[in-house]
Amino acid sequence: MIKDVEQYPDVYQKERAERFGVCQKALCHTLKKMGLTYKKTLPPVPK
C-alpha cells in the first residue's frame, strides 16, 4: 500500500479502496494506522 500511495499520491481514497477491494472506511483507518494521512495536491490559484 505504501508503494501505491507513493506512485499515485493524488488518487482519491474511494478510488484506492476500489483498487484494493476494500471499503473506503477500512482504507482510511489503515492509512491512519500506518501514518500515511495526506491531502490531495491542488494546483496554485492564479491571482
C-alpha atoms as a PDB file:
ATOM      1  CA  MET A   1       0.000   0.000   0.000  1.00  0.00           C
ATOM      2  CA  ILE A   2       2.886   2.373   0.715  1.00  0.00           C
ATOM      3  CA  LYS A   3       4.159   1.974  -2.857  1.00  0.00           C
ATOM      4  CA  ASP A   4       0.663   2.651  -4.202  1.00  0.00           C
ATOM      5  CA  VAL A   5       0.442   5.901  -2.211  1.00  0.00           C
ATOM      6  CA  GLU A   6       3.917   6.926  -3.416  1.00  0.00           C
ATOM      7  CA  GLN A   7       3.126   6.038  -7.032  1.00  0.00           C
ATOM      8  CA  TYR A   8      -0.345   7.640  -7.068  1.00  0.00           C
ATOM      9  CA  PRO A   9      -0.324  10.387  -4.406  1.00  0.00           C
ATOM     10  CA  ASP A  10      -3.341  12.286  -5.802  1.00  0.00           C
ATOM     11  CA  VAL A  11      -5.784   9.375  -6.089  1.00  0.00           C
ATOM     12  CA  TYR A  12      -8.986   9.710  -4.073  1.00  0.00           C
ATOM     13  CA  GLN A  13      -9.353   7.259  -1.194  1.00  0.00           C
ATOM     14  CA  LYS A  14     -12.514   5.893  -2.799  1.00  0.00           C
ATOM     15  CA  GLU A  15     -10.584   5.004  -5.976  1.00  0.00           C
ATOM     16  CA  ARG A  16      -7.745   3.441  -3.971  1.00  0.00           C
ATOM     17  CA  ALA A  17     -10.228   1.408  -1.904  1.00  0.00           C
ATOM     18  CA  GLU A  18     -11.843   0.063  -5.087  1.00  0.00           C
ATOM     19  CA  ARG A  19      -8.415  -0.912  -6.432  1.00  0.00           C
ATOM     20  CA  PHE A  20      -7.641  -2.879  -3.233  1.00  0.00           C
ATOM     21  CA  GLY A  21     -11.161  -4.303  -2.956  1.00  0.00           C
ATOM     22  CA  VAL A  22     -11.930  -2.803   0.465  1.00  0.00           C
ATOM     23  CA  CYS A  23     -14.348  -0.163   1.720  1.00  0.00           C
ATOM     24  CA  GLN A  24     -13.173   3.440   1.991  1.00  0.00           C
ATOM     25  CA  LYS A  25     -13.525   3.449   5.780  1.00  0.00           C
ATOM     26  CA  ALA A  26     -11.197   0.438   6.120  1.00  0.00           C
ATOM     27  CA  LEU A  27      -8.655   2.081   3.832  1.00  0.00           C
ATOM     28  CA  CYS A  28      -8.811   5.360   5.775  1.00  0.00           C
ATOM     29  CA  HIS A  29      -8.305   3.510   9.064  1.00  0.00           C
ATOM     30  CA  THR A  30      -5.341   1.562   7.654  1.00  0.00           C
ATOM     31  CA  LEU A  31      -3.689   4.671   6.200  1.00  0.00           C
ATOM     32  CA  LYS A  32      -4.001   6.499   9.527  1.00  0.00           C
ATOM     33  CA  LYS A  33      -2.618   3.481  11.383  1.00  0.00           C
ATOM     34  CA  MET A  34       0.371   3.461   9.008  1.00  0.00           C
ATOM     35  CA  GLY A  35       0.874   7.215   9.486  1.00  0.00           C
ATOM     36  CA  LEU A  36       0.061   7.927   5.850  1.00  0.00           C
ATOM     37  CA  THR A  37      -2.508  10.686   6.179  1.00  0.00           C
ATOM     38  CA  TYR A  38      -2.358  13.051   3.247  1.00  0.00           C
ATOM     39  CA  LYS A  39      -4.159  15.826   1.437  1.00  0.00           C
ATOM     40  CA  LYS A  40      -4.577  15.992  -2.303  1.00  0.00           C
ATOM     41  CA  THR A  41      -2.160  18.314  -4.057  1.00  0.00           C
ATOM     42  CA  LEU A  42      -4.058  21.215  -5.549  1.00  0.00           C
ATOM     43  CA  PRO A  43      -2.727  23.421  -8.341  1.00  0.00           C
ATOM     44  CA  PRO A  44      -1.930  27.008  -7.319  1.00  0.00           C
ATOM     45  CA  VAL A  45      -4.760  29.502  -7.754  1.00  0.00           C
ATOM     46  CA  PRO A  46      -3.894  32.229 -10.288  1.00  0.00           C
ATOM     47  CA  LYS A  47      -4.110  35.792  -8.940  1.00  0.00           C
END
